[in-house]
């Protein structure tokens, strides 16, 4: 059974930092392309960042320079380090493996 479990979403002030984690089981994590998507109320789900098995990364223009995706194959975990957070980053953040499997999401709220 494939499971992706996100954690780390909280209320944070603008300008703050947060690290999301996604623990993965049931797949060969080391060869999987992993990604983070987000969905704000009234909006479609959008790609935030992705990372290949070789470590190549890709980011949405809106988060470049602020967010960093990384992976720890020994822990079957993918991370999203978010810095300089803005209110428009408020959304439910989802972890995905090649868009075939999805977690249930974790809510990030950026507000003062």
C-alpha atoms as a PDB file:
ATOM      1  CA  UNK A   1       0.000   0.000   0.000  1.00  0.00           C
ATOM      2  CA  UNK A   2       1.398   3.347  -1.067  1.00  0.00           C
ATOM      3  CA  UNK A   3       1.303   6.098   1.531  1.00  0.00           C
ATOM      4  CA  UNK A   4       2.443   9.689   1.394  1.00  0.00           C
ATOM      5  CA  UNK A   5       2.073  11.591   4.643  1.00  0.00           C
ATOM      6  CA  UNK A   6       2.733  15.310   4.768  1.00  0.00           C
ATOM      7  CA  UNK A   7       3.526  17.231   7.925  1.00  0.00           C
ATOM      8  CA  UNK A   8       4.741  20.633   9.021  1.00  0.00           C
ATOM      9  CA  UNK A   9       1.936  22.918   7.964  1.00  0.00           C
ATOM     10  CA  UNK A  10       1.148  25.647  10.483  1.00  0.00           C
ATOM     11  CA  UNK A  11       0.230  29.308  10.810  1.00  0.00           C
ATOM     12  CA  UNK A  12       3.291  31.481  10.157  1.00  0.00           C
ATOM     13  CA  UNK A  13       3.819  35.211   9.862  1.00  0.00           C
ATOM     14  CA  UNK A  14       4.770  36.871   6.576  1.00  0.00           C
ATOM     15  CA  UNK A  15       8.508  36.734   6.081  1.00  0.00           C
ATOM     16  CA  UNK A  16       8.785  33.581   8.143  1.00  0.00           C
ATOM     17  CA  UNK A  17      10.112  30.150   7.282  1.00  0.00           C
ATOM     18  CA  UNK A  18       8.687  26.661   7.382  1.00  0.00           C
ATOM     19  CA  UNK A  19       9.785  23.183   6.404  1.00  0.00           C
ATOM     20  CA  UNK A  20       7.314  20.626   5.136  1.00  0.00           C
ATOM     21  CA  UNK A  21       8.053  16.913   5.171  1.00  0.00           C
ATOM     22  CA  UNK A  22       6.525  14.046   3.259  1.00  0.00           C
ATOM     23  CA  UNK A  23       7.163  10.512   4.457  1.00  0.00           C
ATOM     24  CA  UNK A  24       6.703   7.921   1.721  1.00  0.00           C
ATOM     25  CA  UNK A  25       6.157   4.184   1.877  1.00  0.00           C
ATOM     26  CA  UNK A  26       5.079   1.462  -0.516  1.00  0.00           C
ATOM     27  CA  UNK A  27       7.146   2.572  -3.519  1.00  0.00           C
ATOM     28  CA  UNK A  28      10.800   2.448  -4.461  1.00  0.00           C
ATOM     29  CA  UNK A  29      11.397   5.952  -3.249  1.00  0.00           C
ATOM     30  CA  UNK A  30      14.939   6.281  -4.516  1.00  0.00           C
ATOM     31  CA  UNK A  31      13.868   6.138  -8.158  1.00  0.00           C
ATOM     32  CA  UNK A  32      10.669   8.134  -7.842  1.00  0.00           C
ATOM     33  CA  UNK A  33      10.230  11.661  -9.094  1.00  0.00           C
ATOM     34  CA  UNK A  34       8.712  13.600  -6.227  1.00  0.00           C
ATOM     35  CA  UNK A  35       6.864  16.855  -6.155  1.00  0.00           C
ATOM     36  CA  UNK A  36       5.014  19.380  -4.076  1.00  0.00           C
ATOM     37  CA  UNK A  37       1.794  20.948  -5.296  1.00  0.00           C
ATOM     38  CA  UNK A  38      -0.458  23.449  -3.585  1.00  0.00           C
ATOM     39  CA  UNK A  39      -4.066  24.474  -3.817  1.00  0.00           C
ATOM     40  CA  UNK A  40      -5.470  27.704  -2.459  1.00  0.00           C
ATOM     41  CA  UNK A  41      -9.224  28.210  -1.973  1.00  0.00           C
ATOM     42  CA  UNK A  42     -10.897  28.822  -5.311  1.00  0.00           C
ATOM     43  CA  UNK A  43      -7.764  27.989  -7.251  1.00  0.00           C
ATOM     44  CA  UNK A  44      -6.582  24.967  -9.174  1.00  0.00           C
ATOM     45  CA  UNK A  45      -3.847  22.758  -7.818  1.00  0.00           C
ATOM     46  CA  UNK A  46      -0.475  24.002  -9.048  1.00  0.00           C
ATOM     47  CA  UNK A  47       3.053  22.674  -9.115  1.00  0.00           C
ATOM     48  CA  UNK A  48       5.354  24.233  -6.543  1.00  0.00           C
ATOM     49  CA  UNK A  49       8.517  22.173  -6.948  1.00  0.00           C
ATOM     50  CA  UNK A  50       9.744  18.807  -8.146  1.00  0.00           C
ATOM     51  CA  UNK A  51      12.866  16.716  -7.780  1.00  0.00           C
ATOM     52  CA  UNK A  52      14.034  13.798  -9.882  1.00  0.00           C
ATOM     53  CA  UNK A  53      15.770  10.700  -8.602  1.00  0.00           C
ATOM     54  CA  UNK A  54      19.022  12.287  -9.712  1.00  0.00           C
ATOM     55  CA  UNK A  55      18.343  15.419  -7.711  1.00  0.00           C
ATOM     56  CA  UNK A  56      17.412  17.747 -10.544  1.00  0.00           C
ATOM     57  CA  UNK A  57      14.941  20.319  -9.310  1.00  0.00           C
ATOM     58  CA  UNK A  58      12.298  22.501 -10.883  1.00  0.00           C
ATOM     59  CA  UNK A  59      10.307  25.351  -9.351  1.00  0.00           C
ATOM     60  CA  UNK A  60       7.309  27.499 -10.084  1.00  0.00           C
ATOM     61  CA  UNK A  61       8.351  31.041 -10.915  1.00  0.00           C
ATOM     62  CA  UNK A  62       6.438  32.333  -7.909  1.00  0.00           C
ATOM     63  CA  UNK A  63       8.637  30.430  -5.452  1.00  0.00           C
ATOM     64  CA  UNK A  64      12.053  30.489  -7.130  1.00  0.00           C
ATOM     65  CA  UNK A  65      14.712  31.770  -4.770  1.00  0.00           C
ATOM     66  CA  UNK A  66      12.452  31.274  -1.740  1.00  0.00           C
ATOM     67  CA  UNK A  67      11.615  27.559  -1.677  1.00  0.00           C
ATOM     68  CA  UNK A  68      13.953  24.574  -1.830  1.00  0.00           C
ATOM     69  CA  UNK A  69      12.936  20.987  -2.442  1.00  0.00           C
ATOM     70  CA  UNK A  70      15.184  18.173  -1.273  1.00  0.00           C
ATOM     71  CA  UNK A  71      15.043  14.464  -0.629  1.00  0.00           C
ATOM     72  CA  UNK A  72      16.577  11.959   1.760  1.00  0.00           C
ATOM     73  CA  UNK A  73      16.495   8.548   0.133  1.00  0.00           C
ATOM     74  CA  UNK A  74      17.670   6.875   3.334  1.00  0.00           C
ATOM     75  CA  UNK A  75      14.573   8.169   5.122  1.00  0.00           C
ATOM     76  CA  UNK A  76      12.145   7.912   2.170  1.00  0.00           C
ATOM     77  CA  UNK A  77      11.292  11.542   2.765  1.00  0.00           C
ATOM     78  CA  UNK A  78      11.000  14.633   0.616  1.00  0.00           C
ATOM     79  CA  UNK A  79      11.161  18.129   2.066  1.00  0.00           C
ATOM     80  CA  UNK A  80      10.092  21.605   1.090  1.00  0.00           C
ATOM     81  CA  UNK A  81      11.966  24.427   2.790  1.00  0.00           C
ATOM     82  CA  UNK A  82       9.966  27.617   2.468  1.00  0.00           C
ATOM     83  CA  UNK A  83      11.534  30.974   3.273  1.00  0.00           C
ATOM     84  CA  UNK A  84      10.336  34.560   2.978  1.00  0.00           C
ATOM     85  CA  UNK A  85       6.757  33.360   3.078  1.00  0.00           C
ATOM     86  CA  UNK A  86       4.017  35.581   1.699  1.00  0.00           C
ATOM     87  CA  UNK A  87       0.264  35.595   2.331  1.00  0.00           C
ATOM     88  CA  UNK A  88      -0.233  34.340  -1.227  1.00  0.00           C
ATOM     89  CA  UNK A  89       1.639  31.166  -0.272  1.00  0.00           C
ATOM     90  CA  UNK A  90      -1.333  30.205   1.877  1.00  0.00           C
ATOM     91  CA  UNK A  91      -2.650  26.888   0.592  1.00  0.00           C
ATOM     92  CA  UNK A  92      -2.947  23.196   1.228  1.00  0.00           C
ATOM     93  CA  UNK A  93       0.357  21.632   0.183  1.00  0.00           C
ATOM     94  CA  UNK A  94       0.337  18.156  -1.310  1.00  0.00           C
ATOM     95  CA  UNK A  95       3.167  15.705  -1.821  1.00  0.00           C
ATOM     96  CA  UNK A  96       3.076  13.515  -4.914  1.00  0.00           C
ATOM     97  CA  UNK A  97       5.031  10.741  -6.530  1.00  0.00           C
ATOM     98  CA  UNK A  98       4.982  11.336 -10.275  1.00  0.00           C
ATOM     99  CA  UNK A  99       1.408  12.531  -9.873  1.00  0.00           C
ATOM    100  CA  UNK A 100       0.363   8.896  -9.542  1.00  0.00           C
ATOM    101  CA  UNK A 101       0.119   8.925  -5.763  1.00  0.00           C
ATOM    102  CA  UNK A 102      -0.851  11.818  -3.504  1.00  0.00           C
ATOM    103  CA  UNK A 103      -0.852  12.635   0.151  1.00  0.00           C
ATOM    104  CA  UNK A 104      -3.816  14.186   1.929  1.00  0.00           C
ATOM    105  CA  UNK A 105      -2.135  17.549   2.255  1.00  0.00           C
ATOM    106  CA  UNK A 106      -0.998  19.888   4.988  1.00  0.00           C
ATOM    107  CA  UNK A 107      -2.326  23.415   5.477  1.00  0.00           C
ATOM    108  CA  UNK A 108       0.070  26.354   5.399  1.00  0.00           C
ATOM    109  CA  UNK A 109      -1.362  29.691   6.461  1.00  0.00           C
ATOM    110  CA  UNK A 110       0.704  32.843   6.127  1.00  0.00           C
ATOM    111  CA  UNK A 111      -0.849  35.693   8.066  1.00  0.00           C
ATOM    112  CA  UNK A 112       0.020  38.253  10.715  1.00  0.00           C
END
